[in-house]
């Protein structure tokens, strides 16, 4: 019984001293994490305030960038990415103080991935703006035809660019890269085949006239 009692007392003492020695490290890590949360929140507010001052959402809406619902706006998405990036930066030393090396490895991987999310959001915004501009340019360039045809052509151009933008975003995020490459190749092939068939079936007379004119000029 004496040996058992001695073992229990030793185990209790070890656990007590380990807990007491960990408390300062826990408090230090908690302070670092709290500072990170505060700084991250400040960064988020700065991004939101800057966006409102520059009227970013208004310009995005003007240039045809798809609107998101409720609080999920493009500004809030970018602000949240910035906020969590700051928090994760402070989480790394927090995990180091707490002696959690595996958590540090995971956090570093997330930190390296977050810039991809930010770049993907920027690609999406710029791509959707470019799609709207291309739509307006095509719509203004084909005024010689009827309004229905010009609208159809402009919409087709806009949706084609939007599809390529979505594929570029998914590629930036590293989502099914091989599948995206196959889809992109398939879309290009589909457009080429469709254009060839349309020109071959619907533009036979036009092609004949062009070739005839070339033949006459060569003579």
Protein backbone atom coordinates (compact mmCIF):
# COMPACT_ATOMS: atom_id res chain seq x y z
CA UNK A 1 0.00 0.00 0.00
CA UNK A 2 2.90 2.32 0.76
CA UNK A 3 4.29 1.94 -2.78
CA UNK A 4 0.89 2.62 -4.31
CA UNK A 5 0.41 5.68 -2.15
CA UNK A 6 3.87 6.96 -3.03
CA UNK A 7 3.17 6.46 -6.74
CA UNK A 8 -0.16 8.29 -6.51
CA UNK A 9 1.40 11.18 -4.64
CA UNK A 10 4.26 11.40 -7.16
CA UNK A 11 1.80 11.36 -10.08
CA UNK A 12 -0.32 14.04 -8.44
CA UNK A 13 2.73 16.18 -7.76
CA UNK A 14 3.94 15.82 -11.37
CA UNK A 15 0.52 16.75 -12.73
CA UNK A 16 0.29 19.71 -10.34
CA UNK A 17 3.74 21.05 -11.22
CA UNK A 18 3.09 20.51 -14.97
CA UNK A 19 -0.17 22.45 -14.67
CA UNK A 20 1.41 25.23 -12.66
CA UNK A 21 4.32 25.52 -15.11
CA UNK A 22 1.92 25.56 -18.09
CA UNK A 23 -0.29 28.37 -16.73
CA UNK A 24 2.22 31.17 -17.54
CA UNK A 25 2.69 29.80 -21.05
CA UNK A 26 -1.07 29.47 -21.48
CA UNK A 27 -1.63 33.05 -20.37
CA UNK A 28 1.17 34.31 -22.64
CA UNK A 29 -0.28 32.46 -25.64
CA UNK A 30 -3.79 33.67 -24.80
CA UNK A 31 -2.58 37.28 -24.67
CA UNK A 32 -0.87 36.88 -28.07
CA UNK A 33 -4.06 35.37 -29.51
CA UNK A 34 -6.27 38.12 -28.08
CA UNK A 35 -3.95 40.75 -29.57
CA UNK A 36 -4.18 38.94 -32.91
CA UNK A 37 -7.99 38.92 -32.78
CA UNK A 38 -8.05 42.64 -31.96
CA UNK A 39 -5.57 43.53 -34.72
CA UNK A 40 -7.45 41.31 -37.19
CA UNK A 41 -10.74 43.05 -36.35
CA UNK A 42 -9.08 46.45 -36.84
CA UNK A 43 -7.72 45.36 -40.23
CA UNK A 44 -11.19 44.17 -41.23
CA UNK A 45 -12.72 47.51 -40.28
CA UNK A 46 -10.00 49.37 -42.20
CA UNK A 47 -10.70 47.32 -45.33
CA UNK A 48 -14.47 47.88 -45.02
CA UNK A 49 -14.05 51.61 -44.35
CA UNK A 50 -11.65 51.98 -47.28
CA UNK A 51 -14.06 50.14 -49.55
CA UNK A 52 -16.94 52.39 -48.51
CA UNK A 53 -14.82 55.52 -48.98
CA UNK A 54 -13.79 54.40 -52.46
CA UNK A 55 -17.34 53.18 -53.24
CA UNK A 56 -15.99 49.85 -54.40
CA UNK A 57 -19.33 48.02 -54.21
CA UNK A 58 -21.01 50.75 -56.27
CA UNK A 59 -18.41 50.50 -59.02
CA UNK A 60 -18.57 46.70 -58.99
CA UNK A 61 -22.34 46.85 -59.39
CA UNK A 62 -21.96 49.42 -62.16
CA UNK A 63 -19.59 47.19 -64.13
CA UNK A 64 -21.76 44.11 -63.82
CA UNK A 65 -19.96 42.14 -61.11
CA UNK A 66 -22.54 39.68 -59.68
CA UNK A 67 -23.99 40.94 -56.41
CA UNK A 68 -23.88 38.73 -53.33
CA UNK A 69 -26.65 38.49 -50.78
CA UNK A 70 -27.07 40.13 -47.36
CA UNK A 71 -23.77 40.65 -45.53
CA UNK A 72 -21.87 38.41 -47.95
CA UNK A 73 -20.45 41.14 -50.19
CA UNK A 74 -17.17 41.23 -52.06
CA UNK A 75 -15.85 43.78 -49.57
CA UNK A 76 -16.76 41.59 -46.61
CA UNK A 77 -15.16 38.56 -48.24
CA UNK A 78 -11.86 40.38 -48.76
CA UNK A 79 -12.08 41.91 -45.28
CA UNK A 80 -12.65 38.49 -43.68
CA UNK A 81 -9.71 37.02 -45.59
CA UNK A 82 -7.50 39.85 -44.31
CA UNK A 83 -8.83 39.39 -40.75
CA UNK A 84 -8.22 35.66 -40.62
CA UNK A 85 -4.80 36.07 -42.20
CA UNK A 86 -3.79 38.35 -39.32
CA UNK A 87 -5.31 36.00 -36.73
CA UNK A 88 -3.46 33.01 -38.19
CA UNK A 89 -0.21 34.98 -38.17
CA UNK A 90 -0.67 35.48 -34.40
CA UNK A 91 -1.81 31.88 -33.92
CA UNK A 92 1.58 30.56 -35.03
CA UNK A 93 3.53 32.08 -32.07
CA UNK A 94 0.60 31.17 -29.81
CA UNK A 95 0.88 27.50 -30.77
CA UNK A 96 4.66 27.74 -30.37
CA UNK A 97 4.29 29.08 -26.81
CA UNK A 98 1.79 26.33 -26.00
CA UNK A 99 4.15 23.69 -27.42
CA UNK A 100 1.94 22.47 -30.28
CA UNK A 101 4.29 21.81 -33.23
CA UNK A 102 1.70 19.94 -35.33
CA UNK A 103 -0.72 22.86 -35.04
CA UNK A 104 2.08 25.16 -36.25
CA UNK A 105 2.57 22.99 -39.35
CA UNK A 106 -1.15 23.13 -40.17
CA UNK A 107 -1.31 26.88 -39.58
CA UNK A 108 1.66 27.49 -41.87
CA UNK A 109 -0.05 25.52 -44.65
CA UNK A 110 -3.23 27.58 -44.20
CA UNK A 111 -1.20 30.81 -44.23
CA UNK A 112 0.43 29.81 -47.50
CA UNK A 113 -3.00 28.98 -48.97
CA UNK A 114 -4.88 32.15 -47.93
CA UNK A 115 -3.12 34.37 -50.53
CA UNK A 116 -4.51 32.04 -53.20
CA UNK A 117 -8.02 32.78 -51.93
CA UNK A 118 -7.33 36.53 -52.05
CA UNK A 119 -5.91 36.31 -55.59
CA UNK A 120 -8.87 34.16 -56.67
CA UNK A 121 -11.30 36.81 -55.38
CA UNK A 122 -9.41 39.54 -57.26
CA UNK A 123 -9.41 37.42 -60.45
CA UNK A 124 -13.17 36.93 -60.10
CA UNK A 125 -13.83 40.66 -59.64
CA UNK A 126 -11.56 41.75 -62.51
CA UNK A 127 -12.86 38.97 -64.75
CA UNK A 128 -16.52 39.85 -64.20
CA UNK A 129 -15.77 43.54 -64.85
CA UNK A 130 -13.97 42.64 -68.08
CA UNK A 131 -16.92 40.42 -69.10
CA UNK A 132 -19.33 43.35 -68.66
CA UNK A 133 -17.05 45.69 -70.64
CA UNK A 134 -16.71 43.11 -73.43
CA UNK A 135 -20.51 42.73 -73.46
CA UNK A 136 -20.98 46.49 -73.91
CA UNK A 137 -18.27 46.68 -76.60
CA UNK A 138 -19.81 43.84 -78.61
CA UNK A 139 -23.29 45.32 -78.18
CA UNK A 140 -22.06 48.67 -79.53
CA UNK A 141 -20.10 47.06 -82.38
CA UNK A 142 -22.94 45.07 -83.93
CA UNK A 143 -25.52 47.81 -84.29
CA UNK A 144 -25.90 46.95 -87.96
CA UNK A 145 -27.93 43.84 -87.12
CA UNK A 146 -31.23 43.56 -85.31
CA UNK A 147 -31.34 44.12 -81.54
CA UNK A 148 -32.15 40.51 -80.69
CA UNK A 149 -29.11 39.16 -82.55
CA UNK A 150 -26.77 41.79 -81.11
CA UNK A 151 -28.01 41.09 -77.58
CA UNK A 152 -27.58 37.35 -78.09
CA UNK A 153 -24.02 37.74 -79.39
CA UNK A 154 -23.08 40.14 -76.56
CA UNK A 155 -24.56 37.83 -73.92
CA UNK A 156 -22.74 34.84 -75.41
CA UNK A 157 -19.43 36.72 -75.21
CA UNK A 158 -20.11 37.74 -71.61
CA UNK A 159 -21.03 34.23 -70.49
CA UNK A 160 -18.02 32.74 -72.29
CA UNK A 161 -15.70 35.11 -70.40
CA UNK A 162 -17.52 34.38 -67.12
CA UNK A 163 -17.00 30.65 -67.62
CA UNK A 164 -13.27 31.15 -68.26
CA UNK A 165 -13.09 33.39 -65.17
CA UNK A 166 -14.71 30.69 -63.02
CA UNK A 167 -12.26 28.12 -64.38
CA UNK A 168 -9.35 30.48 -63.64
CA UNK A 169 -10.61 30.99 -60.08
CA UNK A 170 -10.93 27.25 -59.48
CA UNK A 171 -7.46 26.72 -60.94
CA UNK A 172 -6.03 29.40 -58.60
CA UNK A 173 -7.67 27.66 -55.65
CA UNK A 174 -6.19 24.35 -56.76
CA UNK A 175 -9.58 22.68 -57.09
CA UNK A 176 -9.52 19.69 -59.46
CA UNK A 177 -6.78 21.16 -61.66
CA UNK A 178 -6.76 18.23 -64.11
CA UNK A 179 -10.55 18.34 -64.45
CA UNK A 180 -10.45 22.10 -65.13
CA UNK A 181 -7.80 21.59 -67.81
CA UNK A 182 -9.98 18.94 -69.49
CA UNK A 183 -13.07 21.19 -69.30
CA UNK A 184 -11.15 24.12 -70.78
CA UNK A 185 -9.86 21.99 -73.64
CA UNK A 186 -13.37 20.64 -74.22
CA UNK A 187 -14.88 24.13 -74.31
CA UNK A 188 -12.32 25.38 -76.81
CA UNK A 189 -12.85 22.31 -78.99
CA UNK A 190 -16.63 22.72 -78.76
CA UNK A 191 -16.46 26.36 -79.82
CA UNK A 192 -14.10 25.53 -82.70
CA UNK A 193 -16.26 22.65 -83.94
CA UNK A 194 -19.47 24.68 -83.56
CA UNK A 195 -17.93 27.60 -85.45
CA UNK A 196 -16.69 25.31 -88.19
CA UNK A 197 -20.06 23.63 -88.59
CA UNK A 198 -21.92 26.95 -88.52
CA UNK A 199 -19.61 28.43 -91.13
CA UNK A 200 -19.70 25.28 -93.21
CA UNK A 201 -23.46 24.94 -93.23
CA UNK A 202 -24.66 28.50 -92.95
CA UNK A 203 -21.87 30.33 -94.69
CA UNK A 204 -21.33 28.26 -97.83
CA UNK A 205 -22.44 31.04 -100.15
CA UNK A 206 -20.31 33.61 -98.32
CA UNK A 207 -17.27 31.37 -98.45
CA UNK A 208 -17.90 30.72 -102.13
CA UNK A 209 -18.08 34.46 -102.89
CA UNK A 210 -14.87 35.13 -100.95
CA UNK A 211 -12.97 32.39 -102.76
CA UNK A 212 -14.37 33.55 -106.11
CA UNK A 213 -13.21 37.12 -105.48
CA UNK A 214 -9.76 35.89 -104.50
CA UNK A 215 -9.55 33.76 -107.63
CA UNK A 216 -10.49 36.74 -109.82
CA UNK A 217 -7.90 38.97 -108.18
CA UNK A 218 -5.19 36.36 -108.64
CA UNK A 219 -5.96 36.28 -112.33
